[in-house]
C-alpha cells in the first residue's frame, strides 16, 4: 500500500516535469508564416500596425496577440503559441481576426 506522502512525492515532480516539457515544446514550435493559408484566412500579421483596417473593421489600435486570450506566451515573451494557428508561434505585437481581448 502506498502512503499519501509517497504518492505526492512521486506524482507532483512528475507533473511538474510534464508541464515544463509541454512549455518547452510550445517554445520550440515553428513561427507562423503570414502566407500560410490559415494565417491568410485569419488576416494574421506579425506587426499589428500593418493590418488593413478597411479589410478588417474589427481591428482596433492596441489589439495585439500579446493581450489576446488565445496567446499562450507570457506577457514578456516576444513570441507565443496560438491555437488558432495550429499551435504555431505568433508575434506578441501581431494581430489576427480571431483576436479576443483577455478578460
N, C-alpha and C. Protein backbone atom coordinates (compact mmCIF):
# COMPACT_ATOMS: atom_id res chain seq x y z
N UNK A 1 0.84 -1.17 0.00
CA UNK A 1 0.00 0.00 0.00
C UNK A 1 0.90 1.25 0.00
N UNK A 2 0.51 2.25 -0.74
CA UNK A 2 1.28 3.48 -0.86
C UNK A 2 0.68 4.55 0.04
N UNK A 3 1.54 5.24 0.77
CA UNK A 3 1.04 6.32 1.61
C UNK A 3 0.78 7.57 0.76
N UNK A 4 0.00 8.44 1.31
CA UNK A 4 -0.29 9.69 0.62
C UNK A 4 1.01 10.47 0.37
N UNK A 5 1.89 10.48 1.36
CA UNK A 5 3.16 11.20 1.24
C UNK A 5 4.00 10.62 0.08
N UNK A 6 4.08 9.30 -0.02
CA UNK A 6 4.84 8.67 -1.11
C UNK A 6 4.21 9.02 -2.46
N UNK A 7 2.89 8.97 -2.50
CA UNK A 7 2.18 9.30 -3.73
C UNK A 7 2.49 10.73 -4.17
N UNK A 8 2.40 11.68 -3.23
CA UNK A 8 2.65 13.09 -3.55
C UNK A 8 4.10 13.33 -3.96
N UNK A 9 5.01 12.61 -3.34
CA UNK A 9 6.43 12.79 -3.68
C UNK A 9 6.76 12.22 -5.05
N UNK A 10 5.91 11.34 -5.55
CA UNK A 10 6.13 10.75 -6.87
C UNK A 10 5.38 11.53 -7.95
N UNK A 11 4.12 11.85 -7.71
CA UNK A 11 3.26 12.46 -8.72
C UNK A 11 3.57 13.93 -8.96
N UNK A 12 3.77 14.72 -7.90
CA UNK A 12 3.98 16.16 -8.07
C UNK A 12 5.22 16.46 -8.92
N UNK A 13 6.39 15.85 -8.65
CA UNK A 13 7.54 16.13 -9.52
C UNK A 13 7.32 15.66 -10.96
N UNK A 14 6.61 14.55 -11.13
CA UNK A 14 6.34 14.06 -12.48
C UNK A 14 5.44 15.03 -13.23
N UNK A 15 4.42 15.54 -12.57
CA UNK A 15 3.52 16.50 -13.21
C UNK A 15 4.25 17.79 -13.55
N UNK A 16 5.13 18.23 -12.67
CA UNK A 16 5.92 19.44 -12.93
C UNK A 16 6.82 19.24 -14.14
N UNK A 17 7.43 18.06 -14.25
CA UNK A 17 8.30 17.76 -15.39
C UNK A 17 7.51 17.78 -16.69
N UNK A 18 6.31 17.22 -16.67
CA UNK A 18 5.48 17.22 -17.87
C UNK A 18 5.09 18.63 -18.27
N UNK A 19 4.79 19.48 -17.31
CA UNK A 19 4.44 20.86 -17.60
C UNK A 19 5.61 21.59 -18.24
N UNK A 20 6.80 21.40 -17.71
CA UNK A 20 7.99 22.04 -18.27
C UNK A 20 8.24 21.54 -19.68
N UNK A 21 8.08 20.24 -19.90
CA UNK A 21 8.28 19.67 -21.24
C UNK A 21 7.28 20.25 -22.23
N UNK A 22 6.01 20.40 -21.80
CA UNK A 22 5.00 20.98 -22.67
C UNK A 22 5.32 22.42 -23.02
N UNK A 23 5.80 23.18 -22.06
CA UNK A 23 6.19 24.57 -22.29
C UNK A 23 7.35 24.64 -23.26
N UNK A 24 8.31 23.74 -23.10
CA UNK A 24 9.47 23.72 -24.00
C UNK A 24 9.03 23.41 -25.42
N UNK A 25 8.10 22.46 -25.56
CA UNK A 25 7.62 22.13 -26.91
C UNK A 25 6.93 23.32 -27.55
N UNK A 26 6.13 24.06 -26.79
CA UNK A 26 5.45 25.24 -27.33
C UNK A 26 6.47 26.29 -27.75
N UNK A 27 7.54 26.44 -26.97
CA UNK A 27 8.58 27.41 -27.31
C UNK A 27 9.36 27.00 -28.55
N UNK A 28 9.41 25.69 -28.83
CA UNK A 28 10.13 25.19 -29.99
C UNK A 28 9.27 25.15 -31.25
N UNK A 29 7.98 25.45 -31.10
CA UNK A 29 7.07 25.40 -32.24
C UNK A 29 7.52 26.40 -33.31
N UNK A 30 7.21 26.06 -34.55
CA UNK A 30 7.56 26.92 -35.68
C UNK A 30 6.80 28.24 -35.58
N UNK A 31 7.40 29.27 -36.09
CA UNK A 31 6.73 30.58 -36.14
C UNK A 31 5.73 30.58 -37.29
N UNK A 32 4.62 31.21 -37.06
CA UNK A 32 3.58 31.31 -38.08
C UNK A 32 4.11 32.10 -39.28
N UNK A 33 3.71 31.66 -40.45
CA UNK A 33 4.07 32.34 -41.69
C UNK A 33 2.84 33.12 -42.15
N UNK A 34 2.99 34.38 -42.41
CA UNK A 34 1.86 35.21 -42.84
C UNK A 34 1.23 34.70 -44.13
N UNK A 35 1.97 33.92 -44.92
CA UNK A 35 1.46 33.40 -46.19
C UNK A 35 0.82 32.03 -46.05
N UNK A 36 0.87 31.44 -44.86
CA UNK A 36 0.24 30.15 -44.61
C UNK A 36 -1.27 30.32 -44.79
N UNK A 37 -1.95 29.35 -45.42
CA UNK A 37 -3.39 29.51 -45.66
C UNK A 37 -4.22 29.84 -44.40
N UNK A 38 -3.89 29.23 -43.27
CA UNK A 38 -4.63 29.53 -42.03
C UNK A 38 -4.39 30.98 -41.61
N UNK A 39 -3.15 31.44 -41.73
CA UNK A 39 -2.81 32.81 -41.37
C UNK A 39 -3.50 33.80 -42.31
N UNK A 40 -3.51 33.48 -43.59
CA UNK A 40 -4.17 34.35 -44.58
C UNK A 40 -5.67 34.42 -44.26
N UNK A 41 -6.26 33.28 -43.94
CA UNK A 41 -7.69 33.24 -43.63
C UNK A 41 -8.05 34.08 -42.41
N UNK A 42 -7.13 34.17 -41.46
CA UNK A 42 -7.38 34.96 -40.26
C UNK A 42 -6.85 36.39 -40.38
N UNK A 43 -6.20 36.70 -41.49
CA UNK A 43 -5.63 38.04 -41.68
C UNK A 43 -4.46 38.30 -40.74
N UNK A 44 -3.75 37.23 -40.34
CA UNK A 44 -2.64 37.38 -39.38
C UNK A 44 -1.51 38.22 -39.96
N UNK A 45 -1.02 39.14 -39.15
CA UNK A 45 0.15 39.95 -39.47
C UNK A 45 1.08 39.91 -38.26
N UNK A 46 2.39 39.80 -38.51
CA UNK A 46 3.37 39.82 -37.43
C UNK A 46 3.38 41.18 -36.73
N UNK A 47 3.01 42.21 -37.44
CA UNK A 47 3.04 43.58 -36.92
C UNK A 47 1.63 44.17 -37.05
N UNK A 48 0.96 44.37 -35.94
CA UNK A 48 -0.42 44.85 -35.95
C UNK A 48 -0.58 46.21 -36.62
N UNK A 49 0.48 46.99 -36.68
CA UNK A 49 0.38 48.30 -37.33
C UNK A 49 0.22 48.17 -38.84
N UNK A 50 0.42 46.97 -39.38
CA UNK A 50 0.30 46.75 -40.83
C UNK A 50 -1.02 46.09 -41.22
N UNK A 51 -1.96 45.99 -40.27
CA UNK A 51 -3.26 45.40 -40.56
C UNK A 51 -4.09 46.39 -41.38
N UNK A 52 -4.74 45.90 -42.43
CA UNK A 52 -5.60 46.72 -43.26
C UNK A 52 -6.94 46.91 -42.52
N UNK A 53 -7.11 48.04 -41.88
CA UNK A 53 -8.30 48.31 -41.06
C UNK A 53 -9.58 48.36 -41.89
N UNK A 54 -9.47 48.67 -43.19
CA UNK A 54 -10.65 48.68 -44.04
C UNK A 54 -11.11 47.25 -44.32
N UNK A 55 -10.15 46.36 -44.52
CA UNK A 55 -10.46 44.96 -44.78
C UNK A 55 -10.91 44.25 -43.50
N UNK A 56 -10.37 44.67 -42.36
CA UNK A 56 -10.69 44.07 -41.06
C UNK A 56 -11.21 45.15 -40.12
N UNK A 57 -12.49 45.51 -40.26
CA UNK A 57 -13.05 46.60 -39.46
C UNK A 57 -13.10 46.30 -37.96
N UNK A 58 -12.93 45.03 -37.56
CA UNK A 58 -12.92 44.70 -36.13
C UNK A 58 -11.58 45.04 -35.48
N UNK A 59 -10.58 45.35 -36.29
CA UNK A 59 -9.27 45.71 -35.74
C UNK A 59 -9.36 47.06 -35.02
N UNK A 60 -8.79 47.09 -33.83
CA UNK A 60 -8.70 48.33 -33.06
C UNK A 60 -7.26 48.52 -32.63
N UNK A 61 -6.78 49.74 -32.64
CA UNK A 61 -5.41 50.03 -32.20
C UNK A 61 -5.24 49.51 -30.78
N UNK A 62 -4.11 48.90 -30.52
CA UNK A 62 -3.83 48.34 -29.20
C UNK A 62 -4.21 46.88 -29.07
N UNK A 63 -4.97 46.37 -30.03
CA UNK A 63 -5.33 44.96 -30.04
C UNK A 63 -4.17 44.19 -30.65
N UNK A 64 -3.46 43.44 -29.84
CA UNK A 64 -2.31 42.67 -30.31
C UNK A 64 -2.37 41.26 -29.75
N UNK A 65 -1.66 40.36 -30.37
CA UNK A 65 -1.64 38.98 -29.91
C UNK A 65 -1.25 38.87 -28.44
N UNK A 66 -0.33 39.70 -28.00
CA UNK A 66 0.15 39.64 -26.63
C UNK A 66 -0.92 39.88 -25.58
N UNK A 67 -2.03 40.53 -25.95
CA UNK A 67 -3.11 40.72 -24.98
C UNK A 67 -4.40 40.03 -25.42
N UNK A 68 -4.24 38.97 -26.23
CA UNK A 68 -5.36 38.16 -26.70
C UNK A 68 -5.51 36.94 -25.78
N UNK A 69 -6.73 36.51 -25.57
CA UNK A 69 -6.96 35.36 -24.70
C UNK A 69 -6.38 34.07 -25.27
N UNK A 70 -6.10 34.01 -26.56
CA UNK A 70 -5.56 32.80 -27.16
C UNK A 70 -4.03 32.73 -27.11
N UNK A 71 -3.39 33.85 -26.82
CA UNK A 71 -1.92 33.90 -26.79
C UNK A 71 -1.41 33.05 -25.64
N UNK A 72 -0.52 32.11 -25.93
CA UNK A 72 -0.04 31.18 -24.92
C UNK A 72 1.34 31.52 -24.38
N UNK A 73 1.86 32.67 -24.71
CA UNK A 73 3.14 33.09 -24.16
C UNK A 73 2.94 33.93 -22.91
N UNK A 74 4.04 34.25 -22.27
CA UNK A 74 4.00 35.15 -21.11
C UNK A 74 3.92 36.58 -21.64
N UNK A 75 3.54 37.48 -20.78
CA UNK A 75 3.43 38.89 -21.17
C UNK A 75 4.77 39.43 -21.68
N UNK A 76 5.87 38.90 -21.17
CA UNK A 76 7.20 39.38 -21.56
C UNK A 76 7.77 38.67 -22.80
N UNK A 77 7.09 37.64 -23.30
CA UNK A 77 7.58 36.88 -24.45
C UNK A 77 7.33 37.63 -25.76
N UNK A 78 8.31 37.62 -26.64
CA UNK A 78 8.16 38.24 -27.95
C UNK A 78 7.30 37.36 -28.86
N UNK A 79 7.33 36.05 -28.66
CA UNK A 79 6.56 35.10 -29.46
C UNK A 79 5.88 34.12 -28.52
N UNK A 80 4.70 33.65 -28.90
CA UNK A 80 3.99 32.67 -28.09
C UNK A 80 3.06 31.85 -28.98
N UNK A 81 2.75 30.66 -28.52
CA UNK A 81 1.88 29.77 -29.28
C UNK A 81 0.47 30.31 -29.42
N UNK A 82 -0.20 29.87 -30.48
CA UNK A 82 -1.59 30.27 -30.71
C UNK A 82 -2.37 29.08 -31.26
N UNK A 83 -3.41 28.64 -30.56
CA UNK A 83 -4.19 27.51 -31.04
C UNK A 83 -4.94 27.81 -32.34
N UNK A 84 -5.21 29.06 -32.62
CA UNK A 84 -5.91 29.41 -33.86
C UNK A 84 -5.05 29.14 -35.10
N UNK A 85 -3.74 29.12 -34.89
CA UNK A 85 -2.81 28.85 -36.00
C UNK A 85 -2.09 27.53 -35.77
N UNK A 86 -2.80 26.58 -35.23
CA UNK A 86 -2.26 25.24 -35.06
C UNK A 86 -1.13 25.13 -34.05
N UNK A 87 -1.10 26.03 -33.08
CA UNK A 87 -0.06 25.99 -32.07
C UNK A 87 1.23 26.66 -32.49
N UNK A 88 1.27 27.16 -33.71
CA UNK A 88 2.48 27.87 -34.16
C UNK A 88 2.65 29.14 -33.35
N UNK A 89 3.87 29.64 -33.31
CA UNK A 89 4.15 30.86 -32.57
C UNK A 89 3.75 32.08 -33.37
N UNK A 90 3.15 33.02 -32.67
CA UNK A 90 2.78 34.30 -33.28
C UNK A 90 3.54 35.41 -32.55
N UNK A 91 3.74 36.49 -33.24
CA UNK A 91 4.44 37.63 -32.65
C UNK A 91 3.50 38.31 -31.65
N UNK A 92 4.02 38.63 -30.47
CA UNK A 92 3.21 39.29 -29.44
C UNK A 92 2.66 40.61 -29.96
N UNK A 93 3.34 41.23 -30.92
CA UNK A 93 2.89 42.51 -31.48
C UNK A 93 2.06 42.33 -32.74
N UNK A 94 1.69 41.06 -33.03
CA UNK A 94 0.90 40.76 -34.21
C UNK A 94 -0.60 40.88 -33.95
N UNK A 95 -1.40 40.48 -34.93
CA UNK A 95 -2.85 40.54 -34.82
C UNK A 95 -3.46 39.59 -35.84
N UNK A 96 -4.64 39.05 -35.52
CA UNK A 96 -5.46 38.31 -36.49
C UNK A 96 -6.94 38.56 -36.17
N UNK A 97 -7.80 38.20 -37.08
CA UNK A 97 -9.23 38.46 -36.90
C UNK A 97 -9.86 37.60 -35.80
N UNK A 98 -9.14 36.63 -35.29
CA UNK A 98 -9.63 35.84 -34.17
C UNK A 98 -9.37 36.47 -32.82
N UNK A 99 -8.82 37.68 -32.83
CA UNK A 99 -8.45 38.38 -31.60
C UNK A 99 -9.64 38.48 -30.64
N UNK A 100 -9.35 38.12 -29.38
CA UNK A 100 -10.34 38.28 -28.31
C UNK A 100 -9.57 38.77 -27.08
N UNK A 101 -9.89 39.96 -26.63
CA UNK A 101 -9.16 40.57 -25.51
C UNK A 101 -9.24 39.70 -24.27
N UNK A 102 -8.08 39.58 -23.59
CA UNK A 102 -8.05 38.85 -22.32
C UNK A 102 -8.97 39.54 -21.33
N UNK A 103 -9.65 38.72 -20.56
CA UNK A 103 -10.57 39.29 -19.55
C UNK A 103 -9.81 39.79 -18.34
